Amino acid sequence: MWLALTAALLGSVGICFCYVPYVVALPIGIYAAWLGSRALATATDENGRSMATAGLVSGIISSLVNAMFAVFFLFYAFMFVAYIGIVIVAIAAGASEA
């Protein structure tokens, strides 16, 4: 029961903190999904199974949301660096012509 409760809480925390740096929130979601699956395998009563399922689902959702934010952030950072590089090359080309 405690394992299922911990999984549900960690999954919720991972979803709520998706704007926190991804090195923190993404492992929380993955750990919550892992704990939820372990709790689901060892649950004996219906309340424990439902809590474990909630932990598993919220951990999976948290992992997916945080992974999407990480991909979008990396794409944004790549585009920013590429833009700065293009601007520097354009400035250097303009300065060499003058």
PDB file of N, CA and C in Angstrom:
ATOM      1  N   MET A   1       0.816  -1.199   0.000  1.00  0.00           N
ATOM      2  CA  MET A   1       0.000   0.000   0.000  1.00  0.00           C
ATOM      3  C   MET A   1       0.858   1.261   0.000  1.00  0.00           C
ATOM      4  N   TRP A   2       1.939   1.256   0.807  1.00  0.00           N
ATOM      5  CA  TRP A   2       2.797   2.441   0.868  1.00  0.00           C
ATOM      6  C   TRP A   2       3.544   2.647  -0.440  1.00  0.00           C
ATOM      7  N   LEU A   3       3.886   1.555  -1.081  1.00  0.00           N
ATOM      8  CA  LEU A   3       4.568   1.656  -2.363  1.00  0.00           C
ATOM      9  C   LEU A   3       3.646   2.291  -3.406  1.00  0.00           C
ATOM     10  N   ALA A   4       2.395   1.891  -3.394  1.00  0.00           N
ATOM     11  CA  ALA A   4       1.413   2.452  -4.333  1.00  0.00           C
ATOM     12  C   ALA A   4       1.166   3.932  -4.048  1.00  0.00           C
ATOM     13  N   LEU A   5       1.071   4.283  -2.778  1.00  0.00           N
ATOM     14  CA  LEU A   5       0.871   5.685  -2.404  1.00  0.00           C
ATOM     15  C   LEU A   5       2.065   6.541  -2.815  1.00  0.00           C
ATOM     16  N   THR A   6       3.257   6.026  -2.609  1.00  0.00           N
ATOM     17  CA  THR A   6       4.460   6.757  -3.012  1.00  0.00           C
ATOM     18  C   THR A   6       4.500   6.947  -4.521  1.00  0.00           C
ATOM     19  N   ALA A   7       4.124   5.909  -5.273  1.00  0.00           N
ATOM     20  CA  ALA A   7       4.111   6.011  -6.729  1.00  0.00           C
ATOM     21  C   ALA A   7       3.104   7.059  -7.195  1.00  0.00           C
ATOM     22  N   ALA A   8       1.931   7.066  -6.588  1.00  0.00           N
ATOM     23  CA  ALA A   8       0.912   8.044  -6.969  1.00  0.00           C
ATOM     24  C   ALA A   8       1.362   9.466  -6.649  1.00  0.00           C
ATOM     25  N   LEU A   9       1.972   9.658  -5.497  1.00  0.00           N
ATOM     26  CA  LEU A   9       2.447  10.991  -5.123  1.00  0.00           C
ATOM     27  C   LEU A   9       3.598  11.455  -6.011  1.00  0.00           C
ATOM     28  N   LEU A  10       4.545  10.563  -6.291  1.00  0.00           N
ATOM     29  CA  LEU A  10       5.661  10.952  -7.144  1.00  0.00           C
ATOM     30  C   LEU A  10       5.216  11.242  -8.571  1.00  0.00           C
ATOM     31  N   GLY A  11       4.249  10.493  -9.065  1.00  0.00           N
ATOM     32  CA  GLY A  11       3.723  10.767 -10.399  1.00  0.00           C
ATOM     33  C   GLY A  11       3.059  12.128 -10.462  1.00  0.00           C
ATOM     34  N   SER A  12       2.305  12.467  -9.430  1.00  0.00           N
ATOM     35  CA  SER A  12       1.669  13.785  -9.388  1.00  0.00           C
ATOM     36  C   SER A  12       2.695  14.899  -9.281  1.00  0.00           C
ATOM     37  N   VAL A  13       3.723  14.689  -8.490  1.00  0.00           N
ATOM     38  CA  VAL A  13       4.788  15.687  -8.355  1.00  0.00           C
ATOM     39  C   VAL A  13       5.514  15.865  -9.684  1.00  0.00           C
ATOM     40  N   GLY A  14       5.749  14.766 -10.387  1.00  0.00           N
ATOM     41  CA  GLY A  14       6.413  14.854 -11.683  1.00  0.00           C
ATOM     42  C   GLY A  14       5.596  15.620 -12.706  1.00  0.00           C
ATOM     43  N   ILE A  15       4.284  15.463 -12.657  1.00  0.00           N
ATOM     44  CA  ILE A  15       3.422  16.208 -13.571  1.00  0.00           C
ATOM     45  C   ILE A  15       3.410  17.690 -13.206  1.00  0.00           C
ATOM     46  N   CYS A  16       3.326  17.982 -11.932  1.00  0.00           N
ATOM     47  CA  CYS A  16       3.257  19.382 -11.493  1.00  0.00           C
ATOM     48  C   CYS A  16       4.560  20.126 -11.741  1.00  0.00           C
ATOM     49  N   PHE A  17       5.686  19.438 -11.681  1.00  0.00           N
ATOM     50  CA  PHE A  17       6.981  20.092 -11.832  1.00  0.00           C
ATOM     51  C   PHE A  17       7.567  19.917 -13.221  1.00  0.00           C
ATOM     52  N   CYS A  18       6.717  19.869 -14.244  1.00  0.00           N
ATOM     53  CA  CYS A  18       7.247  19.655 -15.595  1.00  0.00           C
ATOM     54  C   CYS A  18       8.027  20.864 -16.092  1.00  0.00           C
ATOM     55  N   TYR A  19       7.893  22.012 -15.453  1.00  0.00           N
ATOM     56  CA  TYR A  19       8.665  23.183 -15.854  1.00  0.00           C
ATOM     57  C   TYR A  19       9.987  23.274 -15.116  1.00  0.00           C
ATOM     58  N   VAL A  20      10.184  22.424 -14.132  1.00  0.00           N
ATOM     59  CA  VAL A  20      11.449  22.364 -13.410  1.00  0.00           C
ATOM     60  C   VAL A  20      12.474  21.750 -14.362  1.00  0.00           C
ATOM     61  N   PRO A  21      13.736  22.016 -14.180  1.00  0.00           N
ATOM     62  CA  PRO A  21      14.728  21.390 -15.076  1.00  0.00           C
ATOM     63  C   PRO A  21      14.510  19.891 -15.204  1.00  0.00           C
ATOM     64  N   TYR A  22      14.664  19.420 -16.403  1.00  0.00           N
ATOM     65  CA  TYR A  22      14.238  18.064 -16.738  1.00  0.00           C
ATOM     66  C   TYR A  22      15.099  16.997 -16.098  1.00  0.00           C
ATOM     67  N   VAL A  23      16.273  17.370 -15.609  1.00  0.00           N
ATOM     68  CA  VAL A  23      17.100  16.389 -14.905  1.00  0.00           C
ATOM     69  C   VAL A  23      16.492  16.036 -13.558  1.00  0.00           C
ATOM     70  N   VAL A  24      15.532  16.826 -13.090  1.00  0.00           N
ATOM     71  CA  VAL A  24      14.862  16.545 -11.822  1.00  0.00           C
ATOM     72  C   VAL A  24      13.510  15.880 -12.052  1.00  0.00           C
ATOM     73  N   ALA A  25      12.691  16.466 -12.898  1.00  0.00           N
ATOM     74  CA  ALA A  25      11.310  16.001 -13.050  1.00  0.00           C
ATOM     75  C   ALA A  25      11.194  14.716 -13.849  1.00  0.00           C
ATOM     76  N   LEU A  26      12.022  14.519 -14.854  1.00  0.00           N
ATOM     77  CA  LEU A  26      11.924  13.309 -15.667  1.00  0.00           C
ATOM     78  C   LEU A  26      12.266  12.052 -14.880  1.00  0.00           C
ATOM     79  N   PRO A  27      13.348  12.024 -14.095  1.00  0.00           N
ATOM     80  CA  PRO A  27      13.594  10.823 -13.291  1.00  0.00           C
ATOM     81  C   PRO A  27      12.514  10.558 -12.244  1.00  0.00           C
ATOM     82  N   ILE A  28      11.886  11.603 -11.726  1.00  0.00           N
ATOM     83  CA  ILE A  28      10.799  11.397 -10.768  1.00  0.00           C
ATOM     84  C   ILE A  28       9.650  10.659 -11.437  1.00  0.00           C
ATOM     85  N   GLY A  29       9.294  11.039 -12.653  1.00  0.00           N
ATOM     86  CA  GLY A  29       8.216  10.359 -13.369  1.00  0.00           C
ATOM     87  C   GLY A  29       8.563   8.921 -13.703  1.00  0.00           C
ATOM     88  N   ILE A  30       9.792   8.694 -14.136  1.00  0.00           N
ATOM     89  CA  ILE A  30      10.218   7.327 -14.458  1.00  0.00           C
ATOM     90  C   ILE A  30      10.208   6.459 -13.203  1.00  0.00           C
ATOM     91  N   TYR A  31      10.697   7.012 -12.093  1.00  0.00           N
ATOM     92  CA  TYR A  31      10.710   6.260 -10.831  1.00  0.00           C
ATOM     93  C   TYR A  31       9.287   5.983 -10.344  1.00  0.00           C
ATOM     94  N   ALA A  32       8.395   6.935 -10.531  1.00  0.00           N
ATOM     95  CA  ALA A  32       7.000   6.728 -10.124  1.00  0.00           C
ATOM     96  C   ALA A  32       6.353   5.627 -10.951  1.00  0.00           C
ATOM     97  N   ALA A  33       6.629   5.579 -12.246  1.00  0.00           N
ATOM     98  CA  ALA A  33       6.082   4.512 -13.087  1.00  0.00           C
ATOM     99  C   ALA A  33       6.642   3.158 -12.672  1.00  0.00           C
ATOM    100  N   TRP A  34       7.922   3.117 -12.352  1.00  0.00           N
ATOM    101  CA  TRP A  34       8.531   1.859 -11.909  1.00  0.00           C
ATOM    102  C   TRP A  34       7.950   1.406 -10.569  1.00  0.00           C
ATOM    103  N   LEU A  35       7.801   2.341  -9.638  1.00  0.00           N
ATOM    104  CA  LEU A  35       7.198   1.995  -8.345  1.00  0.00           C
ATOM    105  C   LEU A  35       5.746   1.550  -8.517  1.00  0.00           C
ATOM    106  N   GLY A  36       5.015   2.213  -9.405  1.00  0.00           N
ATOM    107  CA  GLY A  36       3.630   1.832  -9.655  1.00  0.00           C
ATOM    108  C   GLY A  36       3.512   0.426 -10.205  1.00  0.00           C
ATOM    109  N   SER A  37       4.419   0.060 -11.112  1.00  0.00           N
ATOM    110  CA  SER A  37       4.369  -1.300 -11.659  1.00  0.00           C
ATOM    111  C   SER A  37       4.746  -2.330 -10.612  1.00  0.00           C
ATOM    112  N   ARG A  38       5.698  -2.007  -9.758  1.00  0.00           N
ATOM    113  CA  ARG A  38       6.048  -2.929  -8.651  1.00  0.00           C
ATOM    114  C   ARG A  38       4.895  -3.064  -7.670  1.00  0.00           C
ATOM    115  N   ALA A  39       4.261  -1.944  -7.352  1.00  0.00           N
ATOM    116  CA  ALA A  39       3.142  -1.970  -6.409  1.00  0.00           C
ATOM    117  C   ALA A  39       1.953  -2.726  -6.994  1.00  0.00           C
ATOM    118  N   LEU A  40       1.754  -2.603  -8.300  1.00  0.00           N
ATOM    119  CA  LEU A  40       0.650  -3.305  -8.957  1.00  0.00           C
ATOM    120  C   LEU A  40       0.874  -4.809  -8.919  1.00  0.00           C
ATOM    121  N   ALA A  41       2.121  -5.234  -9.015  1.00  0.00           N
ATOM    122  CA  ALA A  41       2.426  -6.661  -8.970  1.00  0.00           C
ATOM    123  C   ALA A  41       2.246  -7.240  -7.576  1.00  0.00           C
ATOM    124  N   THR A  42       2.423  -6.412  -6.542  1.00  0.00           N
ATOM    125  CA  THR A  42       2.338  -6.932  -5.177  1.00  0.00           C
ATOM    126  C   THR A  42       1.052  -6.550  -4.451  1.00  0.00           C
ATOM    127  N   ALA A  43       0.148  -5.834  -5.110  1.00  0.00           N
ATOM    128  CA  ALA A  43      -1.090  -5.383  -4.452  1.00  0.00           C
ATOM    129  C   ALA A  43      -2.004  -6.584  -4.188  1.00  0.00           C
ATOM    130  N   THR A  44      -2.628  -6.564  -3.012  1.00  0.00           N
ATOM    131  CA  THR A  44      -3.505  -7.675  -2.634  1.00  0.00           C
ATOM    132  C   THR A  44      -4.970  -7.286  -2.621  1.00  0.00           C
ATOM    133  N   ASP A  45      -5.298  -6.084  -2.214  1.00  0.00           N
ATOM    134  CA  ASP A  45      -6.700  -5.675  -2.157  1.00  0.00           C
ATOM    135  C   ASP A  45      -7.016  -4.694  -3.289  1.00  0.00           C
ATOM    136  N   GLU A  46      -8.283  -4.420  -3.460  1.00  0.00           N
ATOM    137  CA  GLU A  46      -8.733  -3.565  -4.560  1.00  0.00           C
ATOM    138  C   GLU A  46      -8.248  -2.126  -4.395  1.00  0.00           C
ATOM    139  N   ASN A  47      -8.219  -1.645  -3.154  1.00  0.00           N
ATOM    140  CA  ASN A  47      -7.756  -0.278  -2.913  1.00  0.00           C
ATOM    141  C   ASN A  47      -6.278  -0.138  -3.271  1.00  0.00           C
ATOM    142  N   GLY A  48      -5.481  -1.130  -2.931  1.00  0.00           N
ATOM    143  CA  GLY A  48      -4.060  -1.100  -3.273  1.00  0.00           C
ATOM    144  C   GLY A  48      -3.831  -1.170  -4.766  1.00  0.00           C
ATOM    145  N   ARG A  49      -4.648  -1.967  -5.473  1.00  0.00           N
ATOM    146  CA  ARG A  49      -4.510  -2.071  -6.927  1.00  0.00           C
ATOM    147  C   ARG A  49      -4.886  -0.757  -7.611  1.00  0.00           C
ATOM    148  N   SER A  50      -5.941  -0.124  -7.118  1.00  0.00           N
ATOM    149  CA  SER A  50      -6.344   1.144  -7.738  1.00  0.00           C
ATOM    150  C   SER A  50      -5.309   2.234  -7.476  1.00  0.00           C
ATOM    151  N   MET A  51      -4.728   2.263  -6.289  1.00  0.00           N
ATOM    152  CA  MET A  51      -3.688   3.238  -5.974  1.00  0.00           C
ATOM    153  C   MET A  51      -2.430   2.965  -6.797  1.00  0.00           C
ATOM    154  N   ALA A  52      -2.089   1.697  -6.967  1.00  0.00           N
ATOM    155  CA  ALA A  52      -0.919   1.343  -7.776  1.00  0.00           C
ATOM    156  C   ALA A  52      -1.142   1.696  -9.241  1.00  0.00           C
ATOM    157  N   THR A  53      -2.350   1.481  -9.727  1.00  0.00           N
ATOM    158  CA  THR A  53      -2.669   1.856 -11.104  1.00  0.00           C
ATOM    159  C   THR A  53      -2.581   3.365 -11.282  1.00  0.00           C
ATOM    160  N   ALA A  54      -3.055   4.109 -10.303  1.00  0.00           N
ATOM    161  CA  ALA A  54      -2.956   5.571 -10.363  1.00  0.00           C
ATOM    162  C   ALA A  54      -1.493   6.011 -10.384  1.00  0.00           C
ATOM    163  N   GLY A  55      -0.657   5.379  -9.588  1.00  0.00           N
ATOM    164  CA  GLY A  55       0.771   5.703  -9.589  1.00  0.00           C
ATOM    165  C   GLY A  55       1.440   5.358 -10.905  1.00  0.00           C
ATOM    166  N   LEU A  56       1.072   4.219 -11.471  1.00  0.00           N
ATOM    167  CA  LEU A  56       1.645   3.814 -12.750  1.00  0.00           C
ATOM    168  C   LEU A  56       1.241   4.768 -13.868  1.00  0.00           C
ATOM    169  N   VAL A  57      -0.034   5.090 -13.930  1.00  0.00           N
ATOM    170  CA  VAL A  57      -0.526   5.979 -14.986  1.00  0.00           C
ATOM    171  C   VAL A  57       0.039   7.389 -14.827  1.00  0.00           C
ATOM    172  N   SER A  58       0.040   7.919 -13.619  1.00  0.00           N
ATOM    173  CA  SER A  58       0.573   9.269 -13.435  1.00  0.00           C
ATOM    174  C   SER A  58       2.076   9.312 -13.672  1.00  0.00           C
ATOM    175  N   GLY A  59       2.783   8.244 -13.365  1.00  0.00           N
ATOM    176  CA  GLY A  59       4.212   8.186 -13.665  1.00  0.00           C
ATOM    177  C   GLY A  59       4.484   8.168 -15.159  1.00  0.00           C
ATOM    178  N   ILE A  60       3.672   7.421 -15.903  1.00  0.00           N
ATOM    179  CA  ILE A  60       3.826   7.373 -17.361  1.00  0.00           C
ATOM    180  C   ILE A  60       3.499   8.733 -17.977  1.00  0.00           C
ATOM    181  N   ILE A  61       2.414   9.337 -17.530  1.00  0.00           N
ATOM    182  CA  ILE A  61       2.042  10.662 -18.051  1.00  0.00           C
ATOM    183  C   ILE A  61       3.122  11.689 -17.718  1.00  0.00           C
ATOM    184  N   SER A  62       3.621  11.641 -16.500  1.00  0.00           N
ATOM    185  CA  SER A  62       4.676  12.566 -16.094  1.00  0.00           C
ATOM    186  C   SER A  62       5.924  12.382 -16.951  1.00  0.00           C
ATOM    187  N   SER A  63       6.300  11.146 -17.201  1.00  0.00           N
ATOM    188  CA  SER A  63       7.483  10.884 -18.026  1.00  0.00           C
ATOM    189  C   SER A  63       7.286  11.395 -19.442  1.00  0.00           C
ATOM    190  N   LEU A  64       6.113  11.155 -20.019  1.00  0.00           N
ATOM    191  CA  LEU A  64       5.858  11.603 -21.385  1.00  0.00           C
ATOM    192  C   LEU A  64       5.834  13.127 -21.497  1.00  0.00           C
ATOM    193  N   VAL A  65       5.169  13.792 -20.544  1.00  0.00           N
ATOM    194  CA  VAL A  65       5.092  15.257 -20.580  1.00  0.00           C
ATOM    195  C   VAL A  65       6.481  15.865 -20.411  1.00  0.00           C
ATOM    196  N   ASN A  66       7.248  15.341 -19.472  1.00  0.00           N
ATOM    197  CA  ASN A  66       8.589  15.880 -19.257  1.00  0.00           C
ATOM    198  C   ASN A  66       9.504  15.588 -20.434  1.00  0.00           C
ATOM    199  N   ALA A  67       9.369  14.442 -21.065  1.00  0.00           N
ATOM    200  CA  ALA A  67      10.180  14.138 -22.246  1.00  0.00           C
ATOM    201  C   ALA A  67       9.820  15.079 -23.395  1.00  0.00           C
ATOM    202  N   MET A  68       8.525  15.366 -23.563  1.00  0.00           N
ATOM    203  CA  MET A  68       8.130  16.311 -24.613  1.00  0.00           C
ATOM    204  C   MET A  68       8.694  17.702 -24.350  1.00  0.00           C
ATOM    205  N   PHE A  69       8.626  18.163 -23.108  1.00  0.00           N
ATOM    206  CA  PHE A  69       9.193  19.469 -22.783  1.00  0.00           C
ATOM    207  C   PHE A  69      10.701  19.481 -23.005  1.00  0.00           C
ATOM    208  N   ALA A  70      11.375  18.388 -22.687  1.00  0.00           N
ATOM    209  CA  ALA A  70      12.824  18.319 -22.900  1.00  0.00           C
ATOM    210  C   ALA A  70      13.155  18.385 -24.383  1.00  0.00           C
ATOM    211  N   VAL A  71      12.391  17.675 -25.222  1.00  0.00           N
ATOM    212  CA  VAL A  71      12.628  17.707 -26.670  1.00  0.00           C
ATOM    213  C   VAL A  71      12.376  19.110 -27.210  1.00  0.00           C
ATOM    214  N   PHE A  72      11.285  19.728 -26.789  1.00  0.00           N
ATOM    215  CA  PHE A  72      11.000  21.086 -27.253  1.00  0.00           C
ATOM    216  C   PHE A  72      12.071  22.064 -26.789  1.00  0.00           C
ATOM    217  N   PHE A  73      12.560  21.921 -25.564  1.00  0.00           N
ATOM    218  CA  PHE A  73      13.605  22.798 -25.063  1.00  0.00           C
ATOM    219  C   PHE A  73      14.889  22.610 -25.853  1.00  0.00           C
ATOM    220  N   LEU A  74      15.266  21.371 -26.122  1.00  0.00           N
ATOM    221  CA  LEU A  74      16.482  21.120 -26.892  1.00  0.00           C
ATOM    222  C   LEU A  74      16.350  21.652 -28.320  1.00  0.00           C
ATOM    223  N   PHE A  75      15.167  21.505 -28.916  1.00  0.00           N
ATOM    224  CA  PHE A  75      14.928  22.050 -30.250  1.00  0.00           C
ATOM    225  C   PHE A  75      15.049  23.567 -30.231  1.00  0.00           C
ATOM    226  N   TYR A  76      14.473  24.203 -29.222  1.00  0.00           N
ATOM    227  CA  TYR A  76      14.556  25.656 -29.098  1.00  0.00           C
ATOM    228  C   TYR A  76      16.005  26.097 -28.917  1.00  0.00           C
ATOM    229  N   ALA A  77      16.747  25.397 -28.072  1.00  0.00           N
ATOM    230  CA  ALA A  77      18.144  25.756 -27.847  1.00  0.00           C
ATOM    231  C   ALA A  77      18.952  25.583 -29.128  1.00  0.00           C
ATOM    232  N   PHE A  78      18.706  24.512 -29.882  1.00  0.00           N
ATOM    233  CA  PHE A  78      19.401  24.303 -31.150  1.00  0.00           C
ATOM    234  C   PHE A  78      19.080  25.412 -32.138  1.00  0.00           C
ATOM    235  N   MET A  79      17.815  25.787 -32.234  1.00  0.00           N
ATOM    236  CA  MET A  79      17.418  26.845 -33.171  1.00  0.00           C
ATOM    237  C   MET A  79      18.033  28.184 -32.761  1.00  0.00           C
ATOM    238  N   PHE A  80      18.121  28.458 -31.471  1.00  0.00           N
ATOM    239  CA  PHE A  80      18.717  29.695 -30.985  1.00  0.00           C
ATOM    240  C   PHE A  80      20.197  29.750 -31.347  1.00  0.00           C
ATOM    241  N   VAL A  81      20.905  28.654 -31.119  1.00  0.00           N
ATOM    242  CA  VAL A  81      22.329  28.611 -31.440  1.00  0.00           C
ATOM    243  C   VAL A  81      22.537  28.734 -32.946  1.00  0.00           C
ATOM    244  N   ALA A  82      21.687  28.070 -33.735  1.00  0.00           N
ATOM    245  CA  ALA A  82      21.801  28.167 -35.192  1.00  0.00           C
ATOM    246  C   ALA A  82      21.540  29.599 -35.652  1.00  0.00           C
ATOM    247  N   TYR A  83      20.562  30.256 -35.074  1.00  0.00           N
ATOM    248  CA  TYR A  83      20.250  31.645 -35.439  1.00  0.00           C
ATOM    249  C   TYR A  83      21.424  32.566 -35.104  1.00  0.00           C
ATOM    250  N   ILE A  84      21.993  32.414 -33.934  1.00  0.00           N
ATOM    251  CA  ILE A  84      23.136  33.241 -33.540  1.00  0.00           C
ATOM    252  C   ILE A  84      24.307  32.979 -34.486  1.00  0.00           C
ATOM    253  N   GLY A  85      24.513  31.728 -34.862  1.00  0.00           N
ATOM    254  CA  GLY A  85      25.583  31.403 -35.800  1.00  0.00           C
ATOM    255  C   GLY A  85      25.371  32.049 -37.151  1.00  0.00           C
ATOM    256  N   ILE A  86      24.145  32.036 -37.639  1.00  0.00           N
ATOM    257  CA  ILE A  86      23.844  32.662 -38.928  1.00  0.00           C
ATOM    258  C   ILE A  86      24.061  34.169 -38.857  1.00  0.00           C
ATOM    259  N   VAL A  87      23.667  34.776 -37.770  1.00  0.00           N
ATOM    260  CA  VAL A  87      23.870  36.219 -37.601  1.00  0.00           C
ATOM    261  C   VAL A  87      25.352  36.562 -37.560  1.00  0.00           C
ATOM    262  N   ILE A  88      26.137  35.768 -36.870  1.00  0.00           N
ATOM    263  CA  ILE A  88      27.584  36.024 -36.796  1.00  0.00           C
ATOM    264  C   ILE A  88      28.228  35.869 -38.166  1.00  0.00           C
ATOM    265  N   VAL A  89      27.829  34.833 -38.905  1.00  0.00           N
ATOM    266  CA  VAL A  89      28.376  34.638 -40.251  1.00  0.00           C
ATOM    267  C   VAL A  89      27.978  35.790 -41.169  1.00  0.00           C
ATOM    268  N   ALA A  90      26.731  36.252 -41.070  1.00  0.00           N
ATOM    269  CA  ALA A  90      26.296  37.372 -41.907  1.00  0.00           C
ATOM    270  C   ALA A  90      27.051  38.641 -41.566  1.00  0.00           C
ATOM    271  N   ILE A  91      27.293  38.893 -40.293  1.00  0.00           N
ATOM    272  CA  ILE A  91      28.040  40.084 -39.880  1.00  0.00           C
ATOM    273  C   ILE A  91      29.480  39.989 -40.364  1.00  0.00           C
ATOM    274  N   ALA A  92      30.068  38.800 -40.245  1.00  0.00           N
ATOM    275  CA  ALA A  92      31.454  38.620 -40.675  1.00  0.00           C
ATOM    276  C   ALA A  92      31.563  38.773 -42.202  1.00  0.00           C
ATOM    277  N   ALA A  93      30.573  38.273 -42.937  1.00  0.00           N
ATOM    278  CA  ALA A  93      30.603  38.403 -44.398  1.00  0.00           C
ATOM    279  C   ALA A  93      30.428  39.868 -44.803  1.00  0.00           C
ATOM    280  N   GLY A  94      29.584  40.590 -44.101  1.00  0.00           N
ATOM    281  CA  GLY A  94      29.403  42.023 -44.391  1.00  0.00           C
ATOM    282  C   GLY A  94      30.636  42.825 -44.047  1.00  0.00           C
ATOM    283  N   ALA A  95      31.331  42.461 -42.998  1.00  0.00           N
ATOM    284  CA  ALA A  95      32.523  43.193 -42.593  1.00  0.00           C
ATOM    285  C   ALA A  95      33.687  42.904 -43.541  1.00  0.00           C
ATOM    286  N   SER A  96      33.754  41.718 -44.109  1.00  0.00           N
ATOM    287  CA  SER A  96      34.859  41.398 -45.008  1.00  0.00           C
ATOM    288  C   SER A  96      34.695  42.053 -46.380  1.00  0.00           C
ATOM    289  N   GLU A  97      33.468  42.375 -46.753  1.00  0.00           N
ATOM    290  CA  GLU A  97      33.216  43.058 -48.029  1.00  0.00           C
ATOM    291  C   GLU A  97      33.549  44.541 -47.959  1.00  0.00           C
ATOM    292  N   ALA A  98      33.485  45.114 -46.786  1.00  0.00           N
ATOM    293  CA  ALA A  98      33.691  46.565 -46.654  1.00  0.00           C
ATOM    294  C   ALA A  98      35.116  46.966 -46.671  1.00  0.00           C
TER     295      ALA A  98
END
